[in-house]
């Protein structure tokens, strides 16, 4: 899983961020659909698989989000390894784009 900021001087050992997986997965699925390049979809599926294996809160008694381990502002130590609503949004969005692509296309007018 990527660190909370791709430019972090502490990468790859800095605090992780699940939304930094979910957002690019959505983008890669869009790129694949628009360009027809299967490699983008393949990479998105690898990212989603890793996210599901490492960050889902299904076994947690304290789950407040779908993927855990979101980080908002590491330097200020605000929102480190917490649930993030945009992490949930992009994770569910990416899953819908994989599992229900026609429904998503209709919903957004494609």
PDB file of N, CA and C in Angstrom:
ATOM      1  N   UNK A   1       0.846  -1.162   0.000  1.00  0.00           N
ATOM      2  CA  UNK A   1       0.000   0.000   0.000  1.00  0.00           C
ATOM      3  C   UNK A   1       0.901   1.237   0.000  1.00  0.00           C
ATOM      4  N   UNK A   2       0.498   2.266  -0.736  1.00  0.00           N
ATOM      5  CA  UNK A   2       1.347   3.458  -0.805  1.00  0.00           C
ATOM      6  C   UNK A   2       1.299   4.283   0.483  1.00  0.00           C
ATOM      7  N   UNK A   3       2.296   5.100   0.629  1.00  0.00           N
ATOM      8  CA  UNK A   3       2.320   6.013   1.768  1.00  0.00           C
ATOM      9  C   UNK A   3       1.326   7.146   1.541  1.00  0.00           C
ATOM     10  N   UNK A   4       1.056   7.886   2.576  1.00  0.00           N
ATOM     11  CA  UNK A   4       0.007   8.912   2.531  1.00  0.00           C
ATOM     12  C   UNK A   4       0.327  10.016   1.522  1.00  0.00           C
ATOM     13  N   UNK A   5       1.586  10.251   1.240  1.00  0.00           N
ATOM     14  CA  UNK A   5       1.996  11.269   0.257  1.00  0.00           C
ATOM     15  C   UNK A   5       3.073  10.643  -0.615  1.00  0.00           C
ATOM     16  N   UNK A   6       2.795  10.563  -1.911  1.00  0.00           N
ATOM     17  CA  UNK A   6       3.742   9.923  -2.823  1.00  0.00           C
ATOM     18  C   UNK A   6       5.116  10.585  -2.801  1.00  0.00           C
ATOM     19  N   UNK A   7       5.180  11.846  -2.384  1.00  0.00           N
ATOM     20  CA  UNK A   7       6.453  12.576  -2.360  1.00  0.00           C
ATOM     21  C   UNK A   7       7.122  12.550  -0.986  1.00  0.00           C
ATOM     22  N   UNK A   8       6.622  11.769  -0.078  1.00  0.00           N
ATOM     23  CA  UNK A   8       7.170  11.727   1.280  1.00  0.00           C
ATOM     24  C   UNK A   8       8.635  11.317   1.257  1.00  0.00           C
ATOM     25  N   UNK A   9       9.476  12.071   1.952  1.00  0.00           N
ATOM     26  CA  UNK A   9      10.893  11.679   2.010  1.00  0.00           C
ATOM     27  C   UNK A   9      11.105  10.397   2.817  1.00  0.00           C
ATOM     28  N   UNK A  10      10.089   9.984   3.571  1.00  0.00           N
ATOM     29  CA  UNK A  10      10.204   8.758   4.364  1.00  0.00           C
ATOM     30  C   UNK A  10       9.685   7.525   3.630  1.00  0.00           C
ATOM     31  N   UNK A  11       9.181   7.703   2.421  1.00  0.00           N
ATOM     32  CA  UNK A  11       8.654   6.574   1.636  1.00  0.00           C
ATOM     33  C   UNK A  11       9.781   5.588   1.377  1.00  0.00           C
ATOM     34  N   UNK A  12       9.528   4.345   1.423  1.00  0.00           N
ATOM     35  CA  UNK A  12       8.268   3.622   1.563  1.00  0.00           C
ATOM     36  C   UNK A  12       7.904   3.293   3.008  1.00  0.00           C
ATOM     37  N   UNK A  13       8.583   3.899   3.975  1.00  0.00           N
ATOM     38  CA  UNK A  13       8.377   3.540   5.378  1.00  0.00           C
ATOM     39  C   UNK A  13       7.501   4.519   6.144  1.00  0.00           C
ATOM     40  N   UNK A  14       6.865   5.442   5.466  1.00  0.00           N
ATOM     41  CA  UNK A  14       5.986   6.402   6.126  1.00  0.00           C
ATOM     42  C   UNK A  14       4.615   5.765   6.349  1.00  0.00           C
ATOM     43  N   UNK A  15       3.727   6.485   6.984  1.00  0.00           N
ATOM     44  CA  UNK A  15       2.367   6.025   7.259  1.00  0.00           C
ATOM     45  C   UNK A  15       1.644   5.762   5.945  1.00  0.00           C
ATOM     46  N   UNK A  16       0.874   4.692   5.913  1.00  0.00           N
ATOM     47  CA  UNK A  16       0.169   4.282   4.690  1.00  0.00           C
ATOM     48  C   UNK A  16      -1.189   4.989   4.583  1.00  0.00           C
ATOM     49  N   UNK A  17      -1.774   4.902   3.373  1.00  0.00           N
ATOM     50  CA  UNK A  17      -3.076   5.520   3.135  1.00  0.00           C
ATOM     51  C   UNK A  17      -3.861   4.699   2.121  1.00  0.00           C
ATOM     52  N   UNK A  18      -4.967   4.115   2.582  1.00  0.00           N
ATOM     53  CA  UNK A  18      -5.798   3.281   1.709  1.00  0.00           C
ATOM     54  C   UNK A  18      -6.416   4.087   0.573  1.00  0.00           C
ATOM     55  N   UNK A  19      -6.740   5.357   0.813  1.00  0.00           N
ATOM     56  CA  UNK A  19      -7.337   6.153  -0.260  1.00  0.00           C
ATOM     57  C   UNK A  19      -6.337   6.394  -1.390  1.00  0.00           C
ATOM     58  N   UNK A  20      -5.045   6.341  -1.074  1.00  0.00           N
ATOM     59  CA  UNK A  20      -4.018   6.479  -2.109  1.00  0.00           C
ATOM     60  C   UNK A  20      -3.973   5.244  -3.004  1.00  0.00           C
ATOM     61  N   UNK A  21      -4.689   4.192  -2.644  1.00  0.00           N
ATOM     62  CA  UNK A  21      -4.883   3.022  -3.504  1.00  0.00           C
ATOM     63  C   UNK A  21      -6.195   3.139  -4.268  1.00  0.00           C
ATOM     64  N   UNK A  22      -7.249   3.494  -3.553  1.00  0.00           N
ATOM     65  CA  UNK A  22      -8.584   3.499  -4.146  1.00  0.00           C
ATOM     66  C   UNK A  22      -8.724   4.541  -5.250  1.00  0.00           C
ATOM     67  N   UNK A  23      -8.167   5.714  -5.054  1.00  0.00           N
ATOM     68  CA  UNK A  23      -8.301   6.792  -6.045  1.00  0.00           C
ATOM     69  C   UNK A  23      -7.616   6.429  -7.365  1.00  0.00           C
ATOM     70  N   UNK A  24      -6.345   5.992  -7.358  1.00  0.00           N
ATOM     71  CA  UNK A  24      -5.733   5.602  -8.627  1.00  0.00           C
ATOM     72  C   UNK A  24      -6.392   4.385  -9.268  1.00  0.00           C
ATOM     73  N   UNK A  25      -6.940   3.484  -8.461  1.00  0.00           N
ATOM     74  CA  UNK A  25      -7.641   2.329  -9.038  1.00  0.00           C
ATOM     75  C   UNK A  25      -8.816   2.808  -9.878  1.00  0.00           C
ATOM     76  N   UNK A  26      -9.573   3.772  -9.357  1.00  0.00           N
ATOM     77  CA  UNK A  26     -10.687   4.350 -10.134  1.00  0.00           C
ATOM     78  C   UNK A  26     -10.176   4.996 -11.420  1.00  0.00           C
ATOM     79  N   UNK A  27      -9.117   5.752 -11.288  1.00  0.00           N
ATOM     80  CA  UNK A  27      -8.567   6.444 -12.455  1.00  0.00           C
ATOM     81  C   UNK A  27      -8.097   5.453 -13.517  1.00  0.00           C
ATOM     82  N   UNK A  28      -7.440   4.388 -13.095  1.00  0.00           N
ATOM     83  CA  UNK A  28      -6.965   3.387 -14.053  1.00  0.00           C
ATOM     84  C   UNK A  28      -8.121   2.671 -14.743  1.00  0.00           C
ATOM     85  N   UNK A  29      -9.201   2.423 -14.011  1.00  0.00           N
ATOM     86  CA  UNK A  29     -10.378   1.812 -14.638  1.00  0.00           C
ATOM     87  C   UNK A  29     -10.969   2.747 -15.686  1.00  0.00           C
ATOM     88  N   UNK A  30     -11.010   4.038 -15.390  1.00  0.00           N
ATOM     89  CA  UNK A  30     -11.488   5.016 -16.373  1.00  0.00           C
ATOM     90  C   UNK A  30     -10.575   5.052 -17.594  1.00  0.00           C
ATOM     91  N   UNK A  31      -9.274   5.084 -17.353  1.00  0.00           N
ATOM     92  CA  UNK A  31      -8.324   5.101 -18.474  1.00  0.00           C
ATOM     93  C   UNK A  31      -8.484   3.868 -19.352  1.00  0.00           C
ATOM     94  N   UNK A  32      -8.680   2.739 -18.745  1.00  0.00           N
ATOM     95  CA  UNK A  32      -8.862   1.508 -19.506  1.00  0.00           C
ATOM     96  C   UNK A  32     -10.111   1.584 -20.375  1.00  0.00           C
ATOM     97  N   UNK A  33     -11.189   2.088 -19.786  1.00  0.00           N
ATOM     98  CA  UNK A  33     -12.446   2.185 -20.537  1.00  0.00           C
ATOM     99  C   UNK A  33     -12.312   3.161 -21.704  1.00  0.00           C
ATOM    100  N   UNK A  34     -11.673   4.286 -21.466  1.00  0.00           N
ATOM    101  CA  UNK A  34     -11.562   5.324 -22.497  1.00  0.00           C
ATOM    102  C   UNK A  34     -10.572   4.939 -23.594  1.00  0.00           C
ATOM    103  N   UNK A  35      -9.447   4.339 -23.206  1.00  0.00           N
ATOM    104  CA  UNK A  35      -8.389   4.038 -24.175  1.00  0.00           C
ATOM    105  C   UNK A  35      -8.465   2.627 -24.748  1.00  0.00           C
ATOM    106  N   UNK A  36      -9.146   1.729 -24.030  1.00  0.00           N
ATOM    107  CA  UNK A  36      -9.184   0.336 -24.462  1.00  0.00           C
ATOM    108  C   UNK A  36      -7.920  -0.434 -24.117  1.00  0.00           C
ATOM    109  N   UNK A  37      -7.057   0.138 -23.294  1.00  0.00           N
ATOM    110  CA  UNK A  37      -5.804  -0.516 -22.905  1.00  0.00           C
ATOM    111  C   UNK A  37      -6.072  -1.408 -21.691  1.00  0.00           C
ATOM    112  N   UNK A  38      -6.011  -2.702 -21.887  1.00  0.00           N
ATOM    113  CA  UNK A  38      -6.332  -3.674 -20.835  1.00  0.00           C
ATOM    114  C   UNK A  38      -5.358  -3.608 -19.668  1.00  0.00           C
ATOM    115  N   UNK A  39      -4.140  -3.193 -19.929  1.00  0.00           N
ATOM    116  CA  UNK A  39      -3.123  -3.124 -18.874  1.00  0.00           C
ATOM    117  C   UNK A  39      -3.563  -2.206 -17.727  1.00  0.00           C
ATOM    118  N   UNK A  40      -4.266  -1.116 -18.047  1.00  0.00           N
ATOM    119  CA  UNK A  40      -4.747  -0.213 -16.995  1.00  0.00           C
ATOM    120  C   UNK A  40      -5.743  -0.920 -16.087  1.00  0.00           C
ATOM    121  N   UNK A  41      -6.647  -1.670 -16.681  1.00  0.00           N
ATOM    122  CA  UNK A  41      -7.629  -2.418 -15.885  1.00  0.00           C
ATOM    123  C   UNK A  41      -6.927  -3.495 -15.043  1.00  0.00           C
ATOM    124  N   UNK A  42      -5.963  -4.173 -15.626  1.00  0.00           N
ATOM    125  CA  UNK A  42      -5.220  -5.193 -14.895  1.00  0.00           C
ATOM    126  C   UNK A  42      -4.539  -4.603 -13.665  1.00  0.00           C
ATOM    127  N   UNK A  43      -3.932  -3.442 -13.828  1.00  0.00           N
ATOM    128  CA  UNK A  43      -3.259  -2.785 -12.701  1.00  0.00           C
ATOM    129  C   UNK A  43      -4.272  -2.355 -11.646  1.00  0.00           C
ATOM    130  N   UNK A  44      -5.409  -1.833 -12.078  1.00  0.00           N
ATOM    131  CA  UNK A  44      -6.458  -1.428 -11.139  1.00  0.00           C
ATOM    132  C   UNK A  44      -6.925  -2.623 -10.323  1.00  0.00           C
ATOM    133  N   UNK A  45      -7.087  -3.769 -10.975  1.00  0.00           N
ATOM    134  CA  UNK A  45      -7.527  -4.969 -10.268  1.00  0.00           C
ATOM    135  C   UNK A  45      -6.475  -5.440  -9.260  1.00  0.00           C
ATOM    136  N   UNK A  46      -5.209  -5.312  -9.602  1.00  0.00           N
ATOM    137  CA  UNK A  46      -4.145  -5.658  -8.653  1.00  0.00           C
ATOM    138  C   UNK A  46      -4.190  -4.739  -7.433  1.00  0.00           C
ATOM    139  N   UNK A  47      -4.401  -3.454  -7.673  1.00  0.00           N
ATOM    140  CA  UNK A  47      -4.488  -2.483  -6.576  1.00  0.00           C
ATOM    141  C   UNK A  47      -5.681  -2.807  -5.682  1.00  0.00           C
ATOM    142  N   UNK A  48      -6.840  -3.061  -6.289  1.00  0.00           N
ATOM    143  CA  UNK A  48      -8.033  -3.373  -5.506  1.00  0.00           C
ATOM    144  C   UNK A  48      -7.855  -4.663  -4.715  1.00  0.00           C
ATOM    145  N   UNK A  49      -7.212  -5.649  -5.313  1.00  0.00           N
ATOM    146  CA  UNK A  49      -6.956  -6.899  -4.607  1.00  0.00           C
ATOM    147  C   UNK A  49      -6.079  -6.652  -3.380  1.00  0.00           C
ATOM    148  N   UNK A  50      -5.026  -5.873  -3.546  1.00  0.00           N
ATOM    149  CA  UNK A  50      -4.140  -5.561  -2.421  1.00  0.00           C
ATOM    150  C   UNK A  50      -4.889  -4.795  -1.336  1.00  0.00           C
ATOM    151  N   UNK A  51      -5.716  -3.866  -1.747  1.00  0.00           N
ATOM    152  CA  UNK A  51      -6.505  -3.087  -0.794  1.00  0.00           C
ATOM    153  C   UNK A  51      -7.457  -3.997  -0.019  1.00  0.00           C
ATOM    154  N   UNK A  52      -8.103  -4.904  -0.707  1.00  0.00           N
ATOM    155  CA  UNK A  52      -9.020  -5.844  -0.048  1.00  0.00           C
ATOM    156  C   UNK A  52      -8.287  -6.768   0.915  1.00  0.00           C
ATOM    157  N   UNK A  53      -7.107  -7.210   0.535  1.00  0.00           N
ATOM    158  CA  UNK A  53      -6.358  -8.126   1.393  1.00  0.00           C
ATOM    159  C   UNK A  53      -5.778  -7.453   2.630  1.00  0.00           C
ATOM    160  N   UNK A  54      -5.466  -6.166   2.549  1.00  0.00           N
ATOM    161  CA  UNK A  54      -4.735  -5.520   3.647  1.00  0.00           C
ATOM    162  C   UNK A  54      -5.533  -4.499   4.455  1.00  0.00           C
ATOM    163  N   UNK A  55      -6.634  -4.003   3.932  1.00  0.00           N
ATOM    164  CA  UNK A  55      -7.263  -2.863   4.599  1.00  0.00           C
ATOM    165  C   UNK A  55      -8.749  -2.970   4.892  1.00  0.00           C
ATOM    166  N   UNK A  56      -9.405  -4.034   4.494  1.00  0.00           N
ATOM    167  CA  UNK A  56     -10.839  -4.109   4.768  1.00  0.00           C
ATOM    168  C   UNK A  56     -11.087  -4.274   6.257  1.00  0.00           C
ATOM    169  N   UNK A  57     -12.175  -3.678   6.720  1.00  0.00           N
ATOM    170  CA  UNK A  57     -12.488  -3.709   8.144  1.00  0.00           C
ATOM    171  C   UNK A  57     -13.539  -4.754   8.482  1.00  0.00           C
ATOM    172  N   UNK A  58     -13.754  -5.717   7.624  1.00  0.00           N
ATOM    173  CA  UNK A  58     -14.813  -6.704   7.833  1.00  0.00           C
ATOM    174  C   UNK A  58     -14.631  -7.516   9.116  1.00  0.00           C
ATOM    175  N   UNK A  59     -13.425  -7.702   9.567  1.00  0.00           N
ATOM    176  CA  UNK A  59     -13.189  -8.481  10.778  1.00  0.00           C
ATOM    177  C   UNK A  59     -12.977  -7.591  12.001  1.00  0.00           C
ATOM    178  N   UNK A  60     -13.158  -6.303  11.847  1.00  0.00           N
ATOM    179  CA  UNK A  60     -12.907  -5.366  12.936  1.00  0.00           C
ATOM    180  C   UNK A  60     -14.178  -5.085  13.734  1.00  0.00           C
ATOM    181  N   UNK A  61     -14.031  -4.984  15.027  1.00  0.00           N
ATOM    182  CA  UNK A  61     -15.169  -4.585  15.861  1.00  0.00           C
ATOM    183  C   UNK A  61     -15.268  -3.069  15.956  1.00  0.00           C
ATOM    184  N   UNK A  62     -14.271  -2.357  15.451  1.00  0.00           N
ATOM    185  CA  UNK A  62     -14.261  -0.896  15.513  1.00  0.00           C
ATOM    186  C   UNK A  62     -14.396  -0.253  14.139  1.00  0.00           C
ATOM    187  N   UNK A  63     -14.918  -0.966  13.176  1.00  0.00           N
ATOM    188  CA  UNK A  63     -14.962  -0.435  11.823  1.00  0.00           C
ATOM    189  C   UNK A  63     -15.904   0.771  11.724  1.00  0.00           C
ATOM    190  N   UNK A  64     -15.384   1.838  11.157  1.00  0.00           N
ATOM    191  CA  UNK A  64     -16.150   3.044  10.874  1.00  0.00           C
ATOM    192  C   UNK A  64     -16.101   3.363   9.391  1.00  0.00           C
ATOM    193  N   UNK A  65     -15.405   2.548   8.658  1.00  0.00           N
ATOM    194  CA  UNK A  65     -15.237   2.755   7.226  1.00  0.00           C
ATOM    195  C   UNK A  65     -15.044   1.392   6.583  1.00  0.00           C
ATOM    196  N   UNK A  66     -15.068   1.361   5.265  1.00  0.00           N
ATOM    197  CA  UNK A  66     -14.846   0.087   4.580  1.00  0.00           C
ATOM    198  C   UNK A  66     -13.354  -0.228   4.562  1.00  0.00           C
ATOM    199  N   UNK A  67     -12.517   0.589   3.874  1.00  0.00           N
ATOM    200  CA  UNK A  67     -11.082   0.360   4.056  1.00  0.00           C
ATOM    201  C   UNK A  67     -10.582   1.185   5.241  1.00  0.00           C
ATOM    202  N   UNK A  68      -9.751   0.600   6.040  1.00  0.00           N
ATOM    203  CA  UNK A  68      -9.129   1.312   7.153  1.00  0.00           C
ATOM    204  C   UNK A  68      -7.821   1.934   6.674  1.00  0.00           C
ATOM    205  N   UNK A  69      -7.129   2.577   7.560  1.00  0.00           N
ATOM    206  CA  UNK A  69      -5.778   3.095   7.319  1.00  0.00           C
ATOM    207  C   UNK A  69      -5.732   4.265   6.362  1.00  0.00           C
ATOM    208  N   UNK A  70      -6.591   5.226   6.557  1.00  0.00           N
ATOM    209  CA  UNK A  70      -6.502   6.465   5.794  1.00  0.00           C
ATOM    210  C   UNK A  70      -5.674   7.478   6.566  1.00  0.00           C
ATOM    211  N   UNK A  71      -4.990   8.347   5.852  1.00  0.00           N
ATOM    212  CA  UNK A  71      -4.187   9.378   6.508  1.00  0.00           C
ATOM    213  C   UNK A  71      -4.422  10.706   5.812  1.00  0.00           C
ATOM    214  N   UNK A  72      -4.787  11.705   6.607  1.00  0.00           N
ATOM    215  CA  UNK A  72      -5.121  13.018   6.064  1.00  0.00           C
ATOM    216  C   UNK A  72      -3.931  13.972   6.068  1.00  0.00           C
ATOM    217  N   UNK A  73      -3.321  14.179   7.249  1.00  0.00           N
ATOM    218  CA  UNK A  73      -2.265  15.186   7.379  1.00  0.00           C
ATOM    219  C   UNK A  73      -1.184  14.672   8.324  1.00  0.00           C
ATOM    220  N   UNK A  74      -0.254  13.950   7.760  1.00  0.00           N
ATOM    221  CA  UNK A  74       0.803  13.324   8.552  1.00  0.00           C
ATOM    222  C   UNK A  74       1.696  14.339   9.256  1.00  0.00           C
ATOM    223  N   UNK A  75       2.157  15.411   8.592  1.00  0.00           N
ATOM    224  CA  UNK A  75       3.050  16.347   9.286  1.00  0.00           C
ATOM    225  C   UNK A  75       2.421  16.972  10.535  1.00  0.00           C
ATOM    226  N   UNK A  76       1.131  17.265  10.485  1.00  0.00           N
ATOM    227  CA  UNK A  76       0.453  17.851  11.642  1.00  0.00           C
ATOM    228  C   UNK A  76      -0.081  16.778  12.589  1.00  0.00           C
ATOM    229  N   UNK A  77       0.095  15.500  12.208  1.00  0.00           N
ATOM    230  CA  UNK A  77      -0.426  14.375  12.986  1.00  0.00           C
ATOM    231  C   UNK A  77      -1.934  14.497  13.211  1.00  0.00           C
ATOM    232  N   UNK A  78      -2.645  14.918  12.162  1.00  0.00           N
ATOM    233  CA  UNK A  78      -4.102  15.022  12.190  1.00  0.00           C
ATOM    234  C   UNK A  78      -4.651  13.975  11.234  1.00  0.00           C
ATOM    235  N   UNK A  79      -5.487  13.110  11.736  1.00  0.00           N
ATOM    236  CA  UNK A  79      -6.105  12.103  10.886  1.00  0.00           C
ATOM    237  C   UNK A  79      -5.119  11.086  10.358  1.00  0.00           C
ATOM    238  N   UNK A  80      -4.358  10.478  11.236  1.00  0.00           N
ATOM    239  CA  UNK A  80      -3.384   9.463  10.847  1.00  0.00           C
ATOM    240  C   UNK A  80      -3.966   8.078  11.136  1.00  0.00           C
ATOM    241  N   UNK A  81      -4.016   7.250  10.087  1.00  0.00           N
ATOM    242  CA  UNK A  81      -4.560   5.899  10.179  1.00  0.00           C
ATOM    243  C   UNK A  81      -5.986   5.903  10.741  1.00  0.00           C
ATOM    244  N   UNK A  82      -6.834   6.661  10.071  1.00  0.00           N
ATOM    245  CA  UNK A  82      -8.244   6.798  10.454  1.00  0.00           C
ATOM    246  C   UNK A  82      -9.124   6.496   9.243  1.00  0.00           C
ATOM    247  N   UNK A  83     -10.435   6.320   9.466  1.00  0.00           N
ATOM    248  CA  UNK A  83     -11.337   6.172   8.327  1.00  0.00           C
ATOM    249  C   UNK A  83     -11.474   7.509   7.603  1.00  0.00           C
ATOM    250  N   UNK A  84     -11.503   7.462   6.293  1.00  0.00           N
ATOM    251  CA  UNK A  84     -11.684   8.674   5.491  1.00  0.00           C
ATOM    252  C   UNK A  84     -12.861   8.471   4.550  1.00  0.00           C
ATOM    253  N   UNK A  85     -13.816   9.415   4.533  1.00  0.00           N
ATOM    254  CA  UNK A  85     -14.990   9.236   3.669  1.00  0.00           C
ATOM    255  C   UNK A  85     -14.629   9.129   2.197  1.00  0.00           C
ATOM    256  N   UNK A  86     -13.624   9.854   1.744  1.00  0.00           N
ATOM    257  CA  UNK A  86     -13.266   9.770   0.327  1.00  0.00           C
ATOM    258  C   UNK A  86     -12.565   8.454   0.014  1.00  0.00           C
ATOM    259  N   UNK A  87     -11.936   7.830   0.988  1.00  0.00           N
ATOM    260  CA  UNK A  87     -11.385   6.492   0.790  1.00  0.00           C
ATOM    261  C   UNK A  87     -12.500   5.490   0.547  1.00  0.00           C
ATOM    262  N   UNK A  88     -13.568   5.597   1.360  1.00  0.00           N
ATOM    263  CA  UNK A  88     -14.746   4.747   1.156  1.00  0.00           C
ATOM    264  C   UNK A  88     -15.365   4.991  -0.211  1.00  0.00           C
ATOM    265  N   UNK A  89     -15.535   6.268  -0.553  1.00  0.00           N
ATOM    266  CA  UNK A  89     -16.194   6.610  -1.816  1.00  0.00           C
ATOM    267  C   UNK A  89     -15.463   5.988  -3.000  1.00  0.00           C
ATOM    268  N   UNK A  90     -14.172   6.227  -3.102  1.00  0.00           N
ATOM    269  CA  UNK A  90     -13.425   5.733  -4.259  1.00  0.00           C
ATOM    270  C   UNK A  90     -13.278   4.216  -4.252  1.00  0.00           C
ATOM    271  N   UNK A  91     -13.226   3.612  -3.083  1.00  0.00           N
ATOM    272  CA  UNK A  91     -13.169   2.156  -3.017  1.00  0.00           C
ATOM    273  C   UNK A  91     -14.464   1.561  -3.573  1.00  0.00           C
ATOM    274  N   UNK A  92     -15.607   2.047  -3.089  1.00  0.00           N
ATOM    275  CA  UNK A  92     -16.894   1.538  -3.577  1.00  0.00           C
ATOM    276  C   UNK A  92     -17.076   1.878  -5.052  1.00  0.00           C
ATOM    277  N   UNK A  93     -16.686   3.068  -5.455  1.00  0.00           N
ATOM    278  CA  UNK A  93     -16.775   3.474  -6.860  1.00  0.00           C
ATOM    279  C   UNK A  93     -15.969   2.526  -7.747  1.00  0.00           C
ATOM    280  N   UNK A  94     -14.763   2.208  -7.334  1.00  0.00           N
ATOM    281  CA  UNK A  94     -13.923   1.293  -8.126  1.00  0.00           C
ATOM    282  C   UNK A  94     -14.554  -0.098  -8.196  1.00  0.00           C
ATOM    283  N   UNK A  95     -15.068  -0.583  -7.076  1.00  0.00           N
ATOM    284  CA  UNK A  95     -15.710  -1.891  -7.086  1.00  0.00           C
ATOM    285  C   UNK A  95     -16.918  -1.909  -8.019  1.00  0.00           C
ATOM    286  N   UNK A  96     -17.714  -0.862  -7.988  1.00  0.00           N
ATOM    287  CA  UNK A  96     -18.870  -0.790  -8.887  1.00  0.00           C
ATOM    288  C   UNK A  96     -18.435  -0.755 -10.348  1.00  0.00           C
ATOM    289  N   UNK A  97     -17.350  -0.058 -10.645  1.00  0.00           N
ATOM    290  CA  UNK A  97     -16.863   0.004 -12.022  1.00  0.00           C
ATOM    291  C   UNK A  97     -16.386  -1.355 -12.516  1.00  0.00           C
ATOM    292  N   UNK A  98     -15.947  -2.202 -11.594  1.00  0.00           N
ATOM    293  CA  UNK A  98     -15.518  -3.549 -11.966  1.00  0.00           C
ATOM    294  C   UNK A  98     -16.714  -4.499 -12.039  1.00  0.00           C
ATOM    295  N   UNK A  99     -17.566  -4.450 -11.030  1.00  0.00           N
ATOM    296  CA  UNK A  99     -18.641  -5.433 -10.915  1.00  0.00           C
ATOM    297  C   UNK A  99     -19.900  -5.072 -11.696  1.00  0.00           C
ATOM    298  N   UNK A 100     -20.174  -3.791 -11.860  1.00  0.00           N
ATOM    299  CA  UNK A 100     -21.406  -3.331 -12.526  1.00  0.00           C
ATOM    300  C   UNK A 100     -21.103  -2.202 -13.516  1.00  0.00           C
ATOM    301  N   UNK A 101     -20.238  -2.430 -14.491  1.00  0.00           N
ATOM    302  CA  UNK A 101     -19.834  -1.334 -15.377  1.00  0.00           C
ATOM    303  C   UNK A 101     -20.976  -0.715 -16.181  1.00  0.00           C
ATOM    304  N   UNK A 102     -21.927  -1.514 -16.617  1.00  0.00           N
ATOM    305  CA  UNK A 102     -23.040  -0.958 -17.412  1.00  0.00           C
ATOM    306  C   UNK A 102     -23.928  -0.070 -16.543  1.00  0.00           C
ATOM    307  N   UNK A 103     -24.169  -0.477 -15.325  1.00  0.00           N
ATOM    308  CA  UNK A 103     -24.998   0.328 -14.415  1.00  0.00           C
ATOM    309  C   UNK A 103     -24.312   1.650 -14.113  1.00  0.00           C
ATOM    310  N   UNK A 104     -23.003   1.626 -13.898  1.00  0.00           N
ATOM    311  CA  UNK A 104     -22.264   2.869 -13.634  1.00  0.00           C
ATOM    312  C   UNK A 104     -22.308   3.758 -14.861  1.00  0.00           C
ATOM    313  N   UNK A 105     -22.108   3.192 -16.035  1.00  0.00           N
ATOM    314  CA  UNK A 105     -22.142   3.979 -17.271  1.00  0.00           C
ATOM    315  C   UNK A 105     -23.511   4.655 -17.454  1.00  0.00           C
ATOM    316  N   UNK A 106     -24.587   3.921 -17.193  1.00  0.00           N
ATOM    317  CA  UNK A 106     -25.920   4.515 -17.297  1.00  0.00           C
ATOM    318  C   UNK A 106     -26.108   5.626 -16.281  1.00  0.00           C
ATOM    319  N   UNK A 107     -25.627   5.406 -15.062  1.00  0.00           N
ATOM    320  CA  UNK A 107     -25.812   6.378 -13.987  1.00  0.00           C
ATOM    321  C   UNK A 107     -25.090   7.683 -14.258  1.00  0.00           C
ATOM    322  N   UNK A 108     -23.941   7.612 -14.926  1.00  0.00           N
ATOM    323  CA  UNK A 108     -23.195   8.842 -15.206  1.00  0.00           C
ATOM    324  C   UNK A 108     -23.382   9.340 -16.631  1.00  0.00           C
ATOM    325  N   UNK A 109     -24.304   8.716 -17.346  1.00  0.00           N
ATOM    326  CA  UNK A 109     -24.666   9.215 -18.669  1.00  0.00           C
ATOM    327  C   UNK A 109     -23.716   8.869 -19.786  1.00  0.00           C
ATOM    328  N   UNK A 110     -23.083   7.722 -19.733  1.00  0.00           N
ATOM    329  CA  UNK A 110     -22.182   7.314 -20.827  1.00  0.00           C
ATOM    330  C   UNK A 110     -22.868   6.376 -21.789  1.00  0.00           C
TER     331      UNK A 110
END
